[in-house]
Amino acid sequence: MSAGLPDGPPDPGLPDPKEVEELLLGGRLRYTRVDAVRLSGVTREFSGRVWRAFGYPSMPDEAVAYTEGDVAALIRLKRLIDEGVLDEDSVVRMVRAFGQTMARLAEWQINLLTSMLRRGDFGDPPPAEAIQSIVDIADKYLDDFQPLVVHAWRRQLAAAGTRALASAAARDGDQSGPATRSPTTVGFADMVSFTQVSRELEELELARLVERFEETASDIVAACGGRLVKTLGDEVLFCADDPAVGAEIALSIAAAVKDETEVPDVRVGVAYGPVLPLMGDVFGTTVNRAARLTALARPGTVVIDAELAAELRDEPAFQTTRIVRRPVRGLGIIQPYVLRRMSPNGSRPSSA
């Protein structure tokens, strides 16, 4: 679907915008919205909901803004509804998940390419030759990039499906009480004094700092077998089904960032309990508790809640030390613990 390009001739030295758009869309813009609705067999209202969920701009009915691919997408979605796989609301929710994820991915990829090709002028428009280079790369390699997106999606889908099956099996095996959500280890890692650092660094330096922090954290989360839920510039949110895995991730991030001379130390807060997974994110009191614990941690340390401390009590690799109970906003009085690795000789670490 067309993004609504400006009218008039292209700027001198730049590729034709319509040609670039059709190259990236994989087909000519040939249909109006009325055409797309008629050819796909969906209602006008449904097509509007789908385009908004994908994140596409509203287009006038007479605008030639749709490709064969847009029509094919509507037909596929209609078939899912007709065959009873999903209802209309579920289709729109699924499409919104795709749209929001792909929008971030696309911006990330374009920023990556332009940063490689422009002359170090971060934030400034890339020169015409850089834009032409991006178009040339897309023309030559887009068919190679597309399967990588599908491959990554299937890998993540398999991992998410496996986690869901394990959670369901755990619930089925627990006959001791009413069904509840499986507990999850949730952690926040937050860069110390990020606001001050952001004032002191140039934009390019700040971008590199954030990228380095996110890269370090995401590599550790993946290697340990956890899940990176989201990144927020100076903060990352991760989850792990196994409490020991969550503890390992937290300590590893704190240690790795401490060794990074370019990245400020982090505070890490981790909690254990039920969460509500929704739209790729997690919600609930456990998440809020982890966020509040982050504020209690000293730079370079990990603070956990009593629930996680209890789960780690018999884990020989970790040492938990109870500290003073604290009031936290919205949660009342909580009992925090400092998490450390057990010393090689098995001795108790010094108190926080």
Protein backbone atom coordinates (compact mmCIF):
# COMPACT_ATOMS: atom_id res chain seq x y z
CA MET A 1 0.00 0.00 0.00
CA SER A 2 1.23 3.47 -0.83
CA ALA A 3 2.48 5.62 2.02
CA GLY A 4 1.12 8.75 0.36
CA LEU A 5 4.05 10.28 -1.46
CA PRO A 6 4.22 14.02 -2.17
CA ASP A 7 3.11 15.25 -5.57
CA GLY A 8 5.50 16.81 -8.06
CA PRO A 9 8.75 15.79 -9.69
CA PRO A 10 11.46 14.11 -7.60
CA ASP A 11 14.34 16.19 -6.25
CA PRO A 12 17.30 16.39 -8.61
CA GLY A 13 19.79 13.61 -8.01
CA LEU A 14 17.33 11.46 -6.05
CA PRO A 15 15.60 8.28 -7.26
CA ASP A 16 11.97 8.60 -8.27
CA PRO A 17 9.89 8.10 -5.07
CA LYS A 18 7.17 6.10 -6.79
CA GLU A 19 9.68 3.76 -8.39
CA VAL A 20 11.36 3.20 -5.02
CA GLU A 21 8.03 2.56 -3.33
CA GLU A 22 6.96 0.02 -5.94
CA LEU A 23 10.37 -1.67 -5.73
CA LEU A 24 10.04 -2.11 -1.96
CA LEU A 25 6.37 -3.11 -2.18
CA GLY A 26 7.20 -5.77 -4.74
CA GLY A 27 4.59 -4.67 -7.28
CA ARG A 28 2.98 -1.78 -9.12
CA LEU A 29 0.46 0.52 -7.48
CA ARG A 30 -2.58 -0.33 -9.59
CA TYR A 31 -5.72 -0.46 -7.41
CA THR A 32 -7.88 2.01 -5.53
CA ARG A 33 -9.43 1.14 -2.18
CA VAL A 34 -12.72 0.41 -3.95
CA ASP A 35 -10.89 -2.00 -6.26
CA ALA A 36 -9.14 -3.74 -3.36
CA VAL A 37 -12.42 -4.25 -1.49
CA ARG A 38 -14.18 -5.58 -4.60
CA LEU A 39 -11.39 -7.97 -5.62
CA SER A 40 -10.83 -9.36 -2.13
CA GLY A 41 -14.47 -9.76 -1.18
CA VAL A 42 -14.12 -8.07 2.19
CA THR A 43 -16.23 -5.22 3.48
CA ARG A 44 -15.09 -1.61 3.34
CA GLU A 45 -15.19 -1.45 7.14
CA PHE A 46 -12.99 -4.54 7.52
CA SER A 47 -10.44 -3.27 5.01
CA GLY A 48 -10.22 -0.01 6.94
CA ARG A 49 -9.66 -1.83 10.23
CA VAL A 50 -6.93 -3.95 8.65
CA TRP A 51 -5.08 -1.00 7.09
CA ARG A 52 -5.18 0.95 10.35
CA ALA A 53 -3.96 -2.09 12.27
CA PHE A 54 -1.07 -2.49 9.83
CA GLY A 55 -0.27 1.18 10.49
CA TYR A 56 -1.05 2.39 6.97
CA PRO A 57 -2.30 5.96 6.40
CA SER A 58 -5.88 6.57 5.28
CA MET A 59 -6.12 7.08 1.54
CA PRO A 60 -8.90 8.67 -0.55
CA ASP A 61 -11.11 6.17 -2.36
CA GLU A 62 -9.93 7.39 -5.76
CA ALA A 63 -6.21 7.14 -4.95
CA VAL A 64 -4.33 4.38 -6.78
CA ALA A 65 -2.44 3.17 -3.72
CA TYR A 66 -2.72 -0.63 -3.56
CA THR A 67 -0.78 -3.51 -5.09
CA GLU A 68 -1.55 -7.14 -5.88
CA GLY A 69 0.09 -7.94 -2.56
CA ASP A 70 -2.38 -5.76 -0.66
CA VAL A 71 -5.31 -7.52 -2.29
CA ALA A 72 -3.75 -10.93 -1.61
CA ALA A 73 -3.30 -9.99 2.07
CA LEU A 74 -7.00 -9.14 2.39
CA ILE A 75 -7.95 -12.43 0.70
CA ARG A 76 -5.76 -14.42 3.11
CA LEU A 77 -7.22 -12.67 6.14
CA LYS A 78 -10.76 -13.22 4.87
CA ARG A 79 -10.04 -16.93 4.43
CA LEU A 80 -8.89 -17.19 8.06
CA ILE A 81 -12.25 -15.79 9.14
CA ASP A 82 -14.32 -17.85 6.68
CA GLU A 83 -12.64 -21.09 7.79
CA GLY A 84 -13.20 -20.32 11.47
CA VAL A 85 -9.51 -20.07 12.34
CA LEU A 86 -9.88 -16.56 13.77
CA ASP A 87 -12.72 -14.10 14.23
CA GLU A 88 -12.52 -10.57 12.87
CA ASP A 89 -11.31 -9.00 16.11
CA SER A 90 -8.57 -11.62 16.46
CA VAL A 91 -7.44 -11.00 12.88
CA VAL A 92 -7.16 -7.28 13.54
CA ARG A 93 -5.16 -7.91 16.74
CA MET A 94 -2.81 -10.25 14.87
CA VAL A 95 -2.37 -7.72 12.07
CA ARG A 96 -1.61 -4.98 14.59
CA ALA A 97 1.12 -7.16 16.10
CA PHE A 98 2.67 -7.64 12.67
CA GLY A 99 2.29 -3.98 11.78
CA GLN A 100 3.87 -2.57 14.91
CA THR A 101 6.72 -5.07 14.87
CA MET A 102 7.48 -4.57 11.19
CA ALA A 103 7.32 -0.77 11.49
CA ARG A 104 10.06 -0.82 14.12
CA LEU A 105 12.08 -3.35 12.12
CA ALA A 106 11.83 -1.29 8.93
CA GLU A 107 12.90 1.94 10.65
CA TRP A 108 15.78 0.09 12.31
CA GLN A 109 16.96 -1.35 8.99
CA ILE A 110 16.74 1.94 7.11
CA ASN A 111 18.59 3.73 9.93
CA LEU A 112 21.27 1.05 9.87
CA LEU A 113 21.77 1.38 6.13
CA THR A 114 21.80 5.16 6.12
CA SER A 115 24.24 5.33 9.05
CA MET A 116 26.58 3.07 7.10
CA LEU A 117 26.37 5.11 3.93
CA ARG A 118 26.20 8.73 5.05
CA ARG A 119 29.31 10.65 5.98
CA GLY A 120 29.02 10.56 9.75
CA ASP A 121 26.40 13.31 9.88
CA PHE A 122 24.13 11.64 12.43
CA GLY A 123 20.56 12.87 12.26
CA ASP A 124 21.09 14.78 9.01
CA PRO A 125 19.45 13.60 5.77
CA PRO A 126 21.75 11.22 3.88
CA PRO A 127 23.24 12.51 0.63
CA ALA A 128 21.70 11.59 -2.71
CA GLU A 129 24.37 9.02 -3.50
CA ALA A 130 23.70 7.26 -0.19
CA ILE A 131 19.99 7.03 -0.97
CA GLN A 132 20.77 5.65 -4.42
CA SER A 133 23.06 3.06 -2.80
CA ILE A 134 20.24 1.97 -0.50
CA VAL A 135 17.91 1.59 -3.47
CA ASP A 136 20.55 -0.44 -5.32
CA ILE A 137 21.04 -2.72 -2.30
CA ALA A 138 17.28 -3.23 -1.99
CA ASP A 139 16.94 -3.98 -5.69
CA LYS A 140 19.70 -6.57 -5.59
CA TYR A 141 19.29 -8.17 -2.17
CA LEU A 142 15.68 -7.69 -1.03
CA ASP A 143 14.81 -11.26 -2.03
CA ASP A 144 17.65 -12.44 0.24
CA PHE A 145 16.50 -10.32 3.19
CA GLN A 146 12.86 -11.45 3.08
CA PRO A 147 13.48 -15.14 3.97
CA LEU A 148 15.59 -14.01 6.93
CA VAL A 149 12.58 -12.16 8.36
CA VAL A 150 10.42 -15.28 8.01
CA HIS A 151 13.19 -17.48 9.44
CA ALA A 152 13.60 -15.27 12.52
CA TRP A 153 9.83 -15.15 13.00
CA ARG A 154 9.49 -18.94 12.83
CA ARG A 155 12.38 -19.37 15.27
CA GLN A 156 10.78 -16.98 17.75
CA LEU A 157 7.36 -18.54 17.17
CA ALA A 158 8.79 -21.98 17.96
CA ALA A 159 10.39 -20.67 21.15
CA ALA A 160 7.18 -18.93 22.25
CA GLY A 161 5.11 -22.02 21.44
CA THR A 162 7.45 -24.23 23.45
CA ARG A 163 7.21 -21.89 26.44
CA ALA A 164 3.42 -21.90 26.18
CA LEU A 165 3.32 -25.72 26.09
CA ALA A 166 5.64 -25.98 29.10
CA SER A 167 3.50 -23.51 31.01
CA ALA A 168 0.33 -25.43 30.15
CA ALA A 169 1.93 -28.71 31.23
CA ALA A 170 2.99 -27.18 34.54
CA ARG A 171 -0.54 -25.94 35.20
CA ASP A 172 -2.05 -29.31 34.30
CA GLY A 173 0.39 -31.07 36.61
CA ASP A 174 -0.45 -28.87 39.58
CA GLN A 175 -3.64 -30.21 41.12
CA SER A 176 -3.13 -28.53 44.48
CA GLY A 177 -5.41 -25.59 43.90
CA PRO A 178 -7.20 -23.36 41.40
CA ALA A 179 -5.52 -22.72 38.07
CA THR A 180 -3.25 -19.68 38.06
CA ARG A 181 -0.74 -18.16 35.69
CA SER A 182 2.70 -19.74 35.86
CA PRO A 183 5.17 -17.61 37.81
CA THR A 184 7.85 -15.83 35.80
CA THR A 185 11.12 -14.14 36.67
CA VAL A 186 10.99 -10.51 35.52
CA GLY A 187 13.94 -8.14 35.55
CA PHE A 188 14.75 -4.53 34.71
CA ALA A 189 18.31 -3.33 34.04
CA ASP A 190 18.54 0.47 34.17
CA MET A 191 21.57 2.60 33.25
CA VAL A 192 22.71 4.85 36.09
CA SER A 193 22.65 8.64 35.59
CA PHE A 194 21.46 8.32 32.02
CA THR A 195 19.82 11.75 32.00
CA GLN A 196 23.08 13.42 32.97
CA VAL A 197 25.05 11.34 30.47
CA SER A 198 22.61 12.22 27.69
CA ARG A 199 23.27 15.92 28.30
CA GLU A 200 27.03 15.45 28.10
CA LEU A 201 27.25 13.35 24.92
CA GLU A 202 26.74 14.29 21.31
CA GLU A 203 23.79 12.61 19.57
CA LEU A 204 25.97 10.10 17.73
CA GLU A 205 27.85 9.17 20.89
CA LEU A 206 24.59 8.77 22.81
CA ALA A 207 23.13 6.55 20.08
CA ARG A 208 26.21 4.35 20.15
CA LEU A 209 26.05 4.14 23.95
CA VAL A 210 22.42 3.00 23.89
CA GLU A 211 23.10 0.54 21.09
CA ARG A 212 26.07 -0.93 22.97
CA PHE A 213 24.02 -1.33 26.15
CA GLU A 214 21.11 -2.97 24.35
CA GLU A 215 23.47 -5.23 22.41
CA THR A 216 25.23 -6.38 25.58
CA ALA A 217 21.98 -7.03 27.44
CA SER A 218 20.20 -8.77 24.57
CA ASP A 219 23.16 -11.09 23.89
CA ILE A 220 23.26 -12.14 27.55
CA VAL A 221 19.49 -12.69 27.73
CA ALA A 222 19.55 -14.84 24.59
CA ALA A 223 22.63 -16.84 25.61
CA CYS A 224 21.15 -17.67 29.02
CA GLY A 225 17.81 -18.77 27.56
CA GLY A 226 15.65 -15.85 28.67
CA ARG A 227 13.51 -13.47 26.64
CA LEU A 228 14.17 -9.80 25.97
CA VAL A 229 10.72 -8.25 26.27
CA LYS A 230 11.62 -4.69 25.26
CA THR A 231 14.27 -2.02 25.33
CA LEU A 232 13.62 1.55 26.43
CA GLY A 233 16.89 3.28 25.61
CA ASP A 234 18.43 3.36 29.07
CA GLU A 235 16.51 0.31 30.30
CA VAL A 236 15.83 -3.27 29.26
CA LEU A 237 13.08 -5.60 30.45
CA PHE A 238 13.68 -9.35 30.38
CA CYS A 239 11.88 -12.50 31.50
CA ALA A 240 12.84 -16.08 32.29
CA ASP A 241 10.69 -19.03 33.28
CA ASP A 242 13.42 -20.51 35.50
CA PRO A 243 14.34 -18.41 38.57
CA ALA A 244 17.99 -19.46 38.34
CA VAL A 245 18.13 -18.36 34.71
CA GLY A 246 16.64 -14.99 35.63
CA ALA A 247 19.21 -14.59 38.41
CA GLU A 248 22.06 -15.51 36.06
CA ILE A 249 20.88 -12.98 33.48
CA ALA A 250 20.66 -10.21 36.07
CA LEU A 251 24.13 -10.81 37.50
CA SER A 252 25.68 -11.26 34.06
CA ILE A 253 24.25 -7.98 32.76
CA ALA A 254 25.46 -6.08 35.83
CA ALA A 255 28.95 -7.60 35.54
CA ALA A 256 29.24 -7.16 31.77
CA VAL A 257 28.16 -3.53 31.84
CA LYS A 258 30.56 -2.83 34.72
CA ASP A 259 33.38 -4.05 32.46
CA GLU A 260 32.19 -1.79 29.63
CA THR A 261 34.19 1.42 29.87
CA GLU A 262 31.80 3.21 27.50
CA VAL A 263 28.57 2.27 29.33
CA PRO A 264 27.58 3.52 32.80
CA ASP A 265 26.88 0.95 35.49
CA VAL A 266 23.38 -0.47 35.73
CA ARG A 267 20.99 -1.14 38.54
CA VAL A 268 19.04 -4.39 38.21
CA GLY A 269 15.79 -5.28 39.94
CA VAL A 270 14.25 -8.74 39.64
CA ALA A 271 10.96 -10.16 40.92
CA TYR A 272 9.25 -13.55 40.72
CA GLY A 273 5.54 -14.16 40.38
CA PRO A 274 2.60 -14.34 37.97
CA VAL A 275 2.50 -11.98 35.00
CA LEU A 276 0.00 -11.20 32.27
CA PRO A 277 1.56 -11.59 28.80
CA LEU A 278 -0.15 -9.30 26.31
CA MET A 279 0.90 -8.04 22.86
CA GLY A 280 4.47 -9.22 23.36
CA ASP A 281 4.76 -7.33 26.66
CA VAL A 282 4.21 -8.38 30.28
CA PHE A 283 2.04 -6.70 32.90
CA GLY A 284 1.09 -7.11 36.52
CA THR A 285 2.24 -6.60 40.09
CA THR A 286 5.36 -8.72 39.55
CA VAL A 287 6.51 -6.38 36.77
CA ASN A 288 5.79 -3.33 38.91
CA ARG A 289 7.70 -4.84 41.81
CA ALA A 290 10.75 -5.50 39.61
CA ALA A 291 10.69 -1.88 38.44
CA ARG A 292 10.51 -0.57 42.02
CA LEU A 293 13.37 -2.85 43.11
CA THR A 294 15.57 -1.38 40.37
CA ALA A 295 15.35 2.00 42.08
CA LEU A 296 16.55 0.43 45.35
CA ALA A 297 19.69 -1.12 43.86
CA ARG A 298 23.09 0.51 44.06
CA PRO A 299 25.02 0.97 40.81
CA GLY A 300 26.40 -2.36 39.61
CA THR A 301 24.22 -4.47 41.92
CA VAL A 302 21.14 -6.68 41.69
CA VAL A 303 18.21 -6.45 44.12
CA ILE A 304 15.49 -9.11 44.16
CA ASP A 305 12.21 -9.67 45.95
CA ALA A 306 11.47 -12.17 48.72
CA GLU A 307 9.69 -14.51 46.30
CA LEU A 308 12.76 -14.91 44.10
CA ALA A 309 15.04 -15.16 47.13
CA ALA A 310 12.96 -18.11 48.35
CA GLU A 311 13.25 -19.82 44.95
CA LEU A 312 17.03 -19.40 44.99
CA ARG A 313 17.52 -20.60 48.57
CA ASP A 314 18.84 -24.01 47.50
CA GLU A 315 20.77 -22.79 44.48
CA PRO A 316 24.49 -23.19 45.29
CA ALA A 317 25.61 -20.60 42.70
CA PHE A 318 23.82 -17.68 44.34
CA GLN A 319 23.89 -15.83 47.64
CA THR A 320 21.00 -13.66 48.81
CA THR A 321 21.37 -11.11 51.60
CA ARG A 322 18.34 -9.55 53.24
CA ILE A 323 18.47 -5.78 53.57
CA VAL A 324 16.23 -3.23 55.25
CA ARG A 325 12.54 -3.39 54.33
CA ARG A 326 11.48 -0.46 52.21
CA PRO A 327 8.22 1.31 51.37
CA VAL A 328 7.68 1.48 47.61
CA ARG A 329 5.10 3.47 45.71
CA GLY A 330 1.95 1.50 44.98
CA LEU A 331 3.13 -1.72 46.67
CA GLY A 332 3.50 -0.83 50.34
CA ILE A 333 6.36 -2.29 52.39
CA ILE A 334 8.49 -4.91 50.62
CA GLN A 335 11.43 -7.04 51.72
CA PRO A 336 14.33 -6.71 49.27
CA TYR A 337 17.42 -8.91 49.02
CA VAL A 338 20.78 -8.27 47.38
CA LEU A 339 21.74 -11.03 44.95
CA ARG A 340 25.37 -12.04 44.48
CA ARG A 341 27.28 -15.01 43.20
CA MET A 342 28.58 -17.38 45.82
CA SER A 343 32.30 -16.82 46.38
CA PRO A 344 34.57 -19.56 44.95
CA ASN A 345 35.48 -20.72 48.47
CA GLY A 346 31.85 -20.77 49.50
CA SER A 347 32.24 -17.89 51.96
CA ARG A 348 29.49 -15.38 52.59
CA PRO A 349 29.97 -12.14 50.62
CA SER A 350 30.24 -8.86 52.42
CA SER A 351 26.96 -7.16 53.31
CA ALA A 352 25.38 -4.50 51.06
